[in-house]
Amino acid sequence: MARFKRILLKLSGESLMGEKQYGIDEKRLGEYAQQIKEIHDLGVQIGIVIGGGNIFRGLSGASKGFDRVKGDQMGMLATVINSLGLSSALGAAGVKARVLTAIRMEPIGEFYNKWKAIEAMENGEVVIMSAGTGNPFFTTDTGSSLRGIEIEADVMLKGTRVDGIYTADPEKDPTATKFDDITYDEVLKRGLKVMDFTATCMCKENNLPIIVFDMDTVGNLKKVMTGENIGTLVHN
């Protein structure tokens, strides 16, 4: 049995690169689609927000001279490309998926609203919500917090390249230790980079718990959903 009825799954754009230096690794995309299918088969209602860092990141564009607003808009379009790729992979795996966009761009995707998203999930479709919040100066972390709260998800599952939250970056500090669970207040006090500050505060204020886990290890998504103790739980 799945421990949550409705989830918001936040996926990293960078992780979609897999072994590549840029863009989408078809093998990684296929693995993600199969993992999502596994929990969809358990009857879980699934909303997804995916980043765009494998194609373009607004902040890094701004540091290279791009206008920040235009850079962020380019980043939003990158998330739409990833969302279309994931929806295609899900379709190939036999899972119905629908792409909603925060900026009007029919026929690429339907314009997002909460009720359309919930209705589609209740009808068994995986809903991929793209283009962030539709506004510059907000990250896809904030976009996923907003969408998770809007669709009344039981939890946000943040799939990353690391297996949870550590006292420091485990890739840089070998003495870093992992938290099994941690409160939002502690995350903010320690300045841990779980998500950006705005996204973390939104989840705290609206009581949306987050589980941070390693999505790149095949099978982990189902383990999280069936209650295995992997990753780190962030809560009030």
C-alpha atoms as a PDB file:
ATOM      1  CA  MET A   1       0.000   0.000   0.000  1.00  0.00           C
ATOM      2  CA  ALA A   2       1.186   3.523  -0.781  1.00  0.00           C
ATOM      3  CA  ARG A   3       1.677   5.731   2.271  1.00  0.00           C
ATOM      4  CA  PHE A   4       0.464   8.874   0.438  1.00  0.00           C
ATOM      5  CA  LYS A   5      -2.596   9.335  -1.743  1.00  0.00           C
ATOM      6  CA  ARG A   6      -1.472  12.418  -3.704  1.00  0.00           C
ATOM      7  CA  ILE A   7       2.103  13.607  -4.181  1.00  0.00           C
ATOM      8  CA  LEU A   8       4.030  16.421  -5.807  1.00  0.00           C
ATOM      9  CA  LEU A   9       7.209  14.947  -7.300  1.00  0.00           C
ATOM     10  CA  LYS A  10       9.962  17.525  -7.888  1.00  0.00           C
ATOM     11  CA  LEU A  11      12.580  16.349 -10.359  1.00  0.00           C
ATOM     12  CA  SER A  12      15.928  17.955 -11.092  1.00  0.00           C
ATOM     13  CA  GLY A  13      16.620  19.076 -14.645  1.00  0.00           C
ATOM     14  CA  GLU A  14      20.333  18.354 -14.138  1.00  0.00           C
ATOM     15  CA  SER A  15      19.569  14.718 -13.285  1.00  0.00           C
ATOM     16  CA  LEU A  16      17.948  14.294 -16.713  1.00  0.00           C
ATOM     17  CA  MET A  17      21.406  14.756 -18.261  1.00  0.00           C
ATOM     18  CA  GLY A  18      22.393  11.333 -16.933  1.00  0.00           C
ATOM     19  CA  GLU A  19      25.826  10.583 -18.376  1.00  0.00           C
ATOM     20  CA  LYS A  20      25.651  13.487 -20.827  1.00  0.00           C
ATOM     21  CA  GLN A  21      27.061  16.988 -20.442  1.00  0.00           C
ATOM     22  CA  TYR A  22      23.892  18.700 -21.662  1.00  0.00           C
ATOM     23  CA  GLY A  23      20.281  18.011 -22.590  1.00  0.00           C
ATOM     24  CA  ILE A  24      18.288  14.840 -21.996  1.00  0.00           C
ATOM     25  CA  ASP A  25      19.704  11.344 -21.541  1.00  0.00           C
ATOM     26  CA  GLU A  26      17.068   8.988 -22.997  1.00  0.00           C
ATOM     27  CA  LYS A  27      18.146   6.167 -20.632  1.00  0.00           C
ATOM     28  CA  ARG A  28      17.633   8.336 -17.521  1.00  0.00           C
ATOM     29  CA  LEU A  29      14.308   9.603 -18.897  1.00  0.00           C
ATOM     30  CA  GLY A  30      13.139   6.020 -19.419  1.00  0.00           C
ATOM     31  CA  GLU A  31      14.205   5.049 -15.890  1.00  0.00           C
ATOM     32  CA  TYR A  32      12.259   7.974 -14.430  1.00  0.00           C
ATOM     33  CA  ALA A  33       9.163   7.021 -16.447  1.00  0.00           C
ATOM     34  CA  GLN A  34       9.337   3.411 -15.203  1.00  0.00           C
ATOM     35  CA  GLN A  35       9.726   4.533 -11.567  1.00  0.00           C
ATOM     36  CA  ILE A  36       6.723   6.862 -11.925  1.00  0.00           C
ATOM     37  CA  LYS A  37       4.717   4.032 -13.547  1.00  0.00           C
ATOM     38  CA  GLU A  38       5.484   1.790 -10.540  1.00  0.00           C
ATOM     39  CA  ILE A  39       3.841   4.180  -8.092  1.00  0.00           C
ATOM     40  CA  HIS A  40       1.071   5.110 -10.545  1.00  0.00           C
ATOM     41  CA  ASP A  41       0.175   1.391 -10.576  1.00  0.00           C
ATOM     42  CA  LEU A  42      -0.272   1.622  -6.785  1.00  0.00           C
ATOM     43  CA  GLY A  43      -3.094   4.129  -7.377  1.00  0.00           C
ATOM     44  CA  VAL A  44      -1.116   7.217  -6.315  1.00  0.00           C
ATOM     45  CA  GLN A  45      -2.233  10.575  -7.737  1.00  0.00           C
ATOM     46  CA  ILE A  46       0.899  12.191  -9.167  1.00  0.00           C
ATOM     47  CA  GLY A  47       1.724  15.814  -9.932  1.00  0.00           C
ATOM     48  CA  ILE A  48       5.228  16.567 -11.238  1.00  0.00           C
ATOM     49  CA  VAL A  49       7.361  19.699 -11.484  1.00  0.00           C
ATOM     50  CA  ILE A  50      10.680  19.372 -13.297  1.00  0.00           C
ATOM     51  CA  GLY A  51      13.550  21.859 -13.437  1.00  0.00           C
ATOM     52  CA  GLY A  52      15.337  23.082 -16.555  1.00  0.00           C
ATOM     53  CA  GLY A  53      18.986  23.227 -15.464  1.00  0.00           C
ATOM     54  CA  ASN A  54      20.065  20.624 -18.032  1.00  0.00           C
ATOM     55  CA  ILE A  55      19.147  23.117 -20.782  1.00  0.00           C
ATOM     56  CA  PHE A  56      19.222  26.646 -19.364  1.00  0.00           C
ATOM     57  CA  ARG A  57      19.264  28.204 -15.902  1.00  0.00           C
ATOM     58  CA  GLY A  58      18.112  31.818 -15.605  1.00  0.00           C
ATOM     59  CA  LEU A  59      20.473  32.755 -12.763  1.00  0.00           C
ATOM     60  CA  SER A  60      23.577  31.476 -14.544  1.00  0.00           C
ATOM     61  CA  GLY A  61      22.397  33.314 -17.669  1.00  0.00           C
ATOM     62  CA  ALA A  62      22.111  36.546 -15.673  1.00  0.00           C
ATOM     63  CA  SER A  63      25.703  36.116 -14.459  1.00  0.00           C
ATOM     64  CA  LYS A  64      26.800  35.979 -18.120  1.00  0.00           C
ATOM     65  CA  GLY A  65      25.056  39.187 -19.088  1.00  0.00           C
ATOM     66  CA  PHE A  66      21.538  38.032 -19.917  1.00  0.00           C
ATOM     67  CA  ASP A  67      18.684  40.230 -18.758  1.00  0.00           C
ATOM     68  CA  ARG A  68      17.414  38.433 -15.612  1.00  0.00           C
ATOM     69  CA  VAL A  69      13.758  38.442 -16.672  1.00  0.00           C
ATOM     70  CA  LYS A  70      14.545  37.100 -20.151  1.00  0.00           C
ATOM     71  CA  GLY A  71      16.957  34.580 -18.634  1.00  0.00           C
ATOM     72  CA  ASP A  72      14.272  33.296 -16.273  1.00  0.00           C
ATOM     73  CA  GLN A  73      11.801  33.102 -19.147  1.00  0.00           C
ATOM     74  CA  MET A  74      14.320  30.998 -21.090  1.00  0.00           C
ATOM     75  CA  GLY A  75      14.599  28.767 -18.024  1.00  0.00           C
ATOM     76  CA  MET A  76      10.801  28.395 -17.926  1.00  0.00           C
ATOM     77  CA  LEU A  77      10.827  27.254 -21.561  1.00  0.00           C
ATOM     78  CA  ALA A  78      13.562  24.723 -20.685  1.00  0.00           C
ATOM     79  CA  THR A  79      11.206  23.189 -18.092  1.00  0.00           C
ATOM     80  CA  VAL A  80       8.521  22.867 -20.788  1.00  0.00           C
ATOM     81  CA  ILE A  81      10.954  20.954 -23.044  1.00  0.00           C
ATOM     82  CA  ASN A  82      11.764  18.563 -20.171  1.00  0.00           C
ATOM     83  CA  SER A  83       8.068  18.179 -19.341  1.00  0.00           C
ATOM     84  CA  LEU A  84       7.251  17.240 -22.928  1.00  0.00           C
ATOM     85  CA  GLY A  85      10.099  14.703 -22.910  1.00  0.00           C
ATOM     86  CA  LEU A  86       8.866  13.131 -19.664  1.00  0.00           C
ATOM     87  CA  SER A  87       5.245  13.035 -20.848  1.00  0.00           C
ATOM     88  CA  SER A  88       6.384  11.270 -24.027  1.00  0.00           C
ATOM     89  CA  ALA A  89       8.384   8.706 -22.017  1.00  0.00           C
ATOM     90  CA  LEU A  90       5.396   8.114 -19.719  1.00  0.00           C
ATOM     91  CA  GLY A  91       3.141   7.606 -22.740  1.00  0.00           C
ATOM     92  CA  ALA A  92       5.604   5.028 -24.110  1.00  0.00           C
ATOM     93  CA  ALA A  93       5.459   3.257 -20.712  1.00  0.00           C
ATOM     94  CA  GLY A  94       1.666   3.103 -20.916  1.00  0.00           C
ATOM     95  CA  VAL A  95       0.889   5.916 -18.476  1.00  0.00           C
ATOM     96  CA  LYS A  96      -1.443   8.755 -19.459  1.00  0.00           C
ATOM     97  CA  ALA A  97       0.218  12.114 -18.857  1.00  0.00           C
ATOM     98  CA  ARG A  98      -0.845  15.712 -19.342  1.00  0.00           C
ATOM     99  CA  VAL A  99       1.396  18.791 -19.588  1.00  0.00           C
ATOM    100  CA  LEU A 100       0.046  22.014 -18.074  1.00  0.00           C
ATOM    101  CA  THR A 101       1.930  25.284 -18.529  1.00  0.00           C
ATOM    102  CA  ALA A 102       2.023  28.385 -16.319  1.00  0.00           C
ATOM    103  CA  ILE A 103       2.286  30.512 -19.495  1.00  0.00           C
ATOM    104  CA  ARG A 104      -0.222  30.152 -22.323  1.00  0.00           C
ATOM    105  CA  MET A 105       1.293  28.104 -25.145  1.00  0.00           C
ATOM    106  CA  GLU A 106      -1.445  25.961 -26.587  1.00  0.00           C
ATOM    107  CA  PRO A 107      -1.196  23.494 -28.304  1.00  0.00           C
ATOM    108  CA  ILE A 108       2.101  22.584 -26.560  1.00  0.00           C
ATOM    109  CA  GLY A 109       0.322  22.322 -23.218  1.00  0.00           C
ATOM    110  CA  GLU A 110      -2.899  23.402 -21.561  1.00  0.00           C
ATOM    111  CA  PHE A 111      -2.931  26.536 -19.418  1.00  0.00           C
ATOM    112  CA  TYR A 112      -2.548  25.512 -15.761  1.00  0.00           C
ATOM    113  CA  ASN A 113      -5.224  25.821 -13.127  1.00  0.00           C
ATOM    114  CA  LYS A 114      -5.621  23.938  -9.874  1.00  0.00           C
ATOM    115  CA  TRP A 115      -8.982  22.338 -10.639  1.00  0.00           C
ATOM    116  CA  LYS A 116      -7.909  21.054 -14.061  1.00  0.00           C
ATOM    117  CA  ALA A 117      -4.818  19.503 -12.466  1.00  0.00           C
ATOM    118  CA  ILE A 118      -6.775  17.824  -9.654  1.00  0.00           C
ATOM    119  CA  GLU A 119      -9.478  16.524 -11.995  1.00  0.00           C
ATOM    120  CA  ALA A 120      -6.859  14.982 -14.297  1.00  0.00           C
ATOM    121  CA  MET A 121      -5.061  13.317 -11.345  1.00  0.00           C
ATOM    122  CA  GLU A 122      -8.343  11.956  -9.995  1.00  0.00           C
ATOM    123  CA  ASN A 123      -8.952  10.479 -13.464  1.00  0.00           C
ATOM    124  CA  GLY A 124      -5.640   8.607 -13.278  1.00  0.00           C
ATOM    125  CA  GLU A 125      -3.476  10.922 -15.362  1.00  0.00           C
ATOM    126  CA  VAL A 126      -0.001  12.035 -14.317  1.00  0.00           C
ATOM    127  CA  VAL A 127       0.001  15.833 -14.429  1.00  0.00           C
ATOM    128  CA  ILE A 128       3.268  17.599 -15.307  1.00  0.00           C
ATOM    129  CA  MET A 129       3.157  21.280 -14.360  1.00  0.00           C
ATOM    130  CA  SER A 130       5.706  23.262 -16.343  1.00  0.00           C
ATOM    131  CA  ALA A 131       7.034  26.815 -16.811  1.00  0.00           C
ATOM    132  CA  GLY A 132       7.573  27.341 -13.074  1.00  0.00           C
ATOM    133  CA  THR A 133       5.210  29.899 -11.562  1.00  0.00           C
ATOM    134  CA  GLY A 134       5.096  31.790 -14.871  1.00  0.00           C
ATOM    135  CA  ASN A 135       6.985  34.663 -13.208  1.00  0.00           C
ATOM    136  CA  PRO A 136      10.670  35.631 -13.171  1.00  0.00           C
ATOM    137  CA  PHE A 137      12.713  35.669  -9.932  1.00  0.00           C
ATOM    138  CA  PHE A 138      11.124  32.401  -8.745  1.00  0.00           C
ATOM    139  CA  THR A 139      12.896  29.052  -8.979  1.00  0.00           C
ATOM    140  CA  THR A 140      11.322  25.715  -9.882  1.00  0.00           C
ATOM    141  CA  ASP A 141      11.727  24.856  -6.166  1.00  0.00           C
ATOM    142  CA  THR A 142       9.292  27.664  -5.407  1.00  0.00           C
ATOM    143  CA  GLY A 143       7.158  26.537  -8.341  1.00  0.00           C
ATOM    144  CA  SER A 144       6.963  23.024  -6.918  1.00  0.00           C
ATOM    145  CA  SER A 145       6.118  24.327  -3.425  1.00  0.00           C
ATOM    146  CA  LEU A 146       3.339  26.471  -4.876  1.00  0.00           C
ATOM    147  CA  ARG A 147       1.924  23.641  -7.011  1.00  0.00           C
ATOM    148  CA  GLY A 148       2.181  21.126  -4.156  1.00  0.00           C
ATOM    149  CA  ILE A 149       0.202  23.418  -1.876  1.00  0.00           C
ATOM    150  CA  GLU A 150      -2.332  24.254  -4.610  1.00  0.00           C
ATOM    151  CA  ILE A 151      -3.091  20.657  -5.577  1.00  0.00           C
ATOM    152  CA  GLU A 152      -3.351  19.738  -1.857  1.00  0.00           C
ATOM    153  CA  ALA A 153      -0.583  17.134  -2.064  1.00  0.00           C
ATOM    154  CA  ASP A 154       0.096  15.043   1.047  1.00  0.00           C
ATOM    155  CA  VAL A 155       3.846  15.424   0.562  1.00  0.00           C
ATOM    156  CA  MET A 156       6.491  16.801  -1.774  1.00  0.00           C
ATOM    157  CA  LEU A 157       9.004  14.188  -2.898  1.00  0.00           C
ATOM    158  CA  LYS A 158      12.189  15.951  -3.974  1.00  0.00           C
ATOM    159  CA  GLY A 159      14.195  13.616  -6.173  1.00  0.00           C
ATOM    160  CA  THR A 160      17.879  14.591  -6.245  1.00  0.00           C
ATOM    161  CA  ARG A 161      21.307  13.093  -6.876  1.00  0.00           C
ATOM    162  CA  VAL A 162      22.024  12.641  -3.141  1.00  0.00           C
ATOM    163  CA  ASP A 163      20.268  10.312  -0.708  1.00  0.00           C
ATOM    164  CA  GLY A 164      19.010  12.961   1.715  1.00  0.00           C
ATOM    165  CA  ILE A 165      19.986  16.089   3.627  1.00  0.00           C
ATOM    166  CA  TYR A 166      23.433  16.314   5.232  1.00  0.00           C
ATOM    167  CA  THR A 167      25.085  18.672   7.708  1.00  0.00           C
ATOM    168  CA  ALA A 168      27.250  19.835   4.761  1.00  0.00           C
ATOM    169  CA  ASP A 169      27.675  18.973   1.073  1.00  0.00           C
ATOM    170  CA  PRO A 170      28.671  15.268   1.147  1.00  0.00           C
ATOM    171  CA  GLU A 171      30.392  15.613  -2.237  1.00  0.00           C
ATOM    172  CA  LYS A 172      32.755  18.217  -0.726  1.00  0.00           C
ATOM    173  CA  ASP A 173      32.919  17.293   2.979  1.00  0.00           C
ATOM    174  CA  PRO A 174      33.595  13.616   3.834  1.00  0.00           C
ATOM    175  CA  THR A 175      32.652  14.255   7.501  1.00  0.00           C
ATOM    176  CA  ALA A 176      29.104  15.355   6.593  1.00  0.00           C
ATOM    177  CA  THR A 177      26.404  13.328   8.371  1.00  0.00           C
ATOM    178  CA  LYS A 178      22.890  12.616   7.128  1.00  0.00           C
ATOM    179  CA  PHE A 179      19.630  13.574   8.830  1.00  0.00           C
ATOM    180  CA  ASP A 180      16.811  10.981   8.900  1.00  0.00           C
ATOM    181  CA  ASP A 181      14.422  13.815   9.639  1.00  0.00           C
ATOM    182  CA  ILE A 182      14.719  17.514  10.359  1.00  0.00           C
ATOM    183  CA  THR A 183      12.353  20.414  11.052  1.00  0.00           C
ATOM    184  CA  TYR A 184      11.917  23.394   8.751  1.00  0.00           C
ATOM    185  CA  ASP A 185      13.122  25.673  11.559  1.00  0.00           C
ATOM    186  CA  GLU A 186      16.365  23.681  11.831  1.00  0.00           C
ATOM    187  CA  VAL A 187      16.868  23.776   8.036  1.00  0.00           C
ATOM    188  CA  LEU A 188      16.449  27.562   8.059  1.00  0.00           C
ATOM    189  CA  LYS A 189      18.616  28.047  11.169  1.00  0.00           C
ATOM    190  CA  ARG A 190      21.466  25.972   9.749  1.00  0.00           C
ATOM    191  CA  GLY A 191      21.092  27.560   6.288  1.00  0.00           C
ATOM    192  CA  LEU A 192      20.906  24.137   4.618  1.00  0.00           C
ATOM    193  CA  LYS A 193      20.379  24.252   0.875  1.00  0.00           C
ATOM    194  CA  VAL A 194      17.415  21.867   0.716  1.00  0.00           C
ATOM    195  CA  MET A 195      15.502  24.282  -1.502  1.00  0.00           C
ATOM    196  CA  ASP A 196      15.712  28.021  -1.812  1.00  0.00           C
ATOM    197  CA  PHE A 197      14.564  30.152   1.125  1.00  0.00           C
ATOM    198  CA  THR A 198      11.214  31.172  -0.429  1.00  0.00           C
ATOM    199  CA  ALA A 199      10.266  27.569  -1.252  1.00  0.00           C
ATOM    200  CA  THR A 200      11.232  26.333   2.234  1.00  0.00           C
ATOM    201  CA  CYS A 201       9.195  29.069   3.955  1.00  0.00           C
ATOM    202  CA  MET A 202       6.152  28.327   1.773  1.00  0.00           C
ATOM    203  CA  CYS A 203       6.226  24.629   2.706  1.00  0.00           C
ATOM    204  CA  LYS A 204       6.701  25.496   6.384  1.00  0.00           C
ATOM    205  CA  GLU A 205       3.825  27.999   6.452  1.00  0.00           C
ATOM    206  CA  ASN A 206       1.465  25.633   4.625  1.00  0.00           C
ATOM    207  CA  ASN A 207       2.565  22.495   6.492  1.00  0.00           C
ATOM    208  CA  LEU A 208       3.653  20.579   3.377  1.00  0.00           C
ATOM    209  CA  PRO A 209       6.249  17.957   4.386  1.00  0.00           C
ATOM    210  CA  ILE A 210       9.149  17.167   2.039  1.00  0.00           C
ATOM    211  CA  ILE A 211      11.054  13.923   1.582  1.00  0.00           C
ATOM    212  CA  VAL A 212      14.453  14.440  -0.063  1.00  0.00           C
ATOM    213  CA  PHE A 213      15.775  11.235  -1.638  1.00  0.00           C
ATOM    214  CA  ASP A 214      18.019   9.870  -4.387  1.00  0.00           C
ATOM    215  CA  MET A 215      15.830   9.531  -7.484  1.00  0.00           C
ATOM    216  CA  ASP A 216      18.731   8.370  -9.677  1.00  0.00           C
ATOM    217  CA  THR A 217      18.854   4.964  -7.949  1.00  0.00           C
ATOM    218  CA  VAL A 218      16.204   2.920  -9.751  1.00  0.00           C
ATOM    219  CA  GLY A 219      13.471   1.661  -7.395  1.00  0.00           C
ATOM    220  CA  ASN A 220      13.893   4.369  -4.765  1.00  0.00           C
ATOM    221  CA  LEU A 221      10.660   6.198  -5.619  1.00  0.00           C
ATOM    222  CA  LYS A 222       8.592   3.086  -4.902  1.00  0.00           C
ATOM    223  CA  LYS A 223      10.582   2.478  -1.683  1.00  0.00           C
ATOM    224  CA  VAL A 224       9.702   5.991  -0.464  1.00  0.00           C
ATOM    225  CA  MET A 225       6.039   5.460  -1.359  1.00  0.00           C
ATOM    226  CA  THR A 226       5.795   2.097   0.406  1.00  0.00           C
ATOM    227  CA  GLY A 227       7.300   3.450   3.611  1.00  0.00           C
ATOM    228  CA  GLU A 228      10.941   2.342   3.510  1.00  0.00           C
ATOM    229  CA  ASN A 229      13.150   4.613   5.568  1.00  0.00           C
ATOM    230  CA  ILE A 230      15.268   6.235   2.871  1.00  0.00           C
ATOM    231  CA  GLY A 231      15.981   9.914   2.320  1.00  0.00           C
ATOM    232  CA  THR A 232      15.286  12.724   4.788  1.00  0.00           C
ATOM    233  CA  LEU A 233      11.894  13.927   5.990  1.00  0.00           C
ATOM    234  CA  VAL A 234      11.508  17.698   6.480  1.00  0.00           C
ATOM    235  CA  HIS A 235       8.509  18.729   8.590  1.00  0.00           C
ATOM    236  CA  ASN A 236       7.173  21.239  11.119  1.00  0.00           C
END
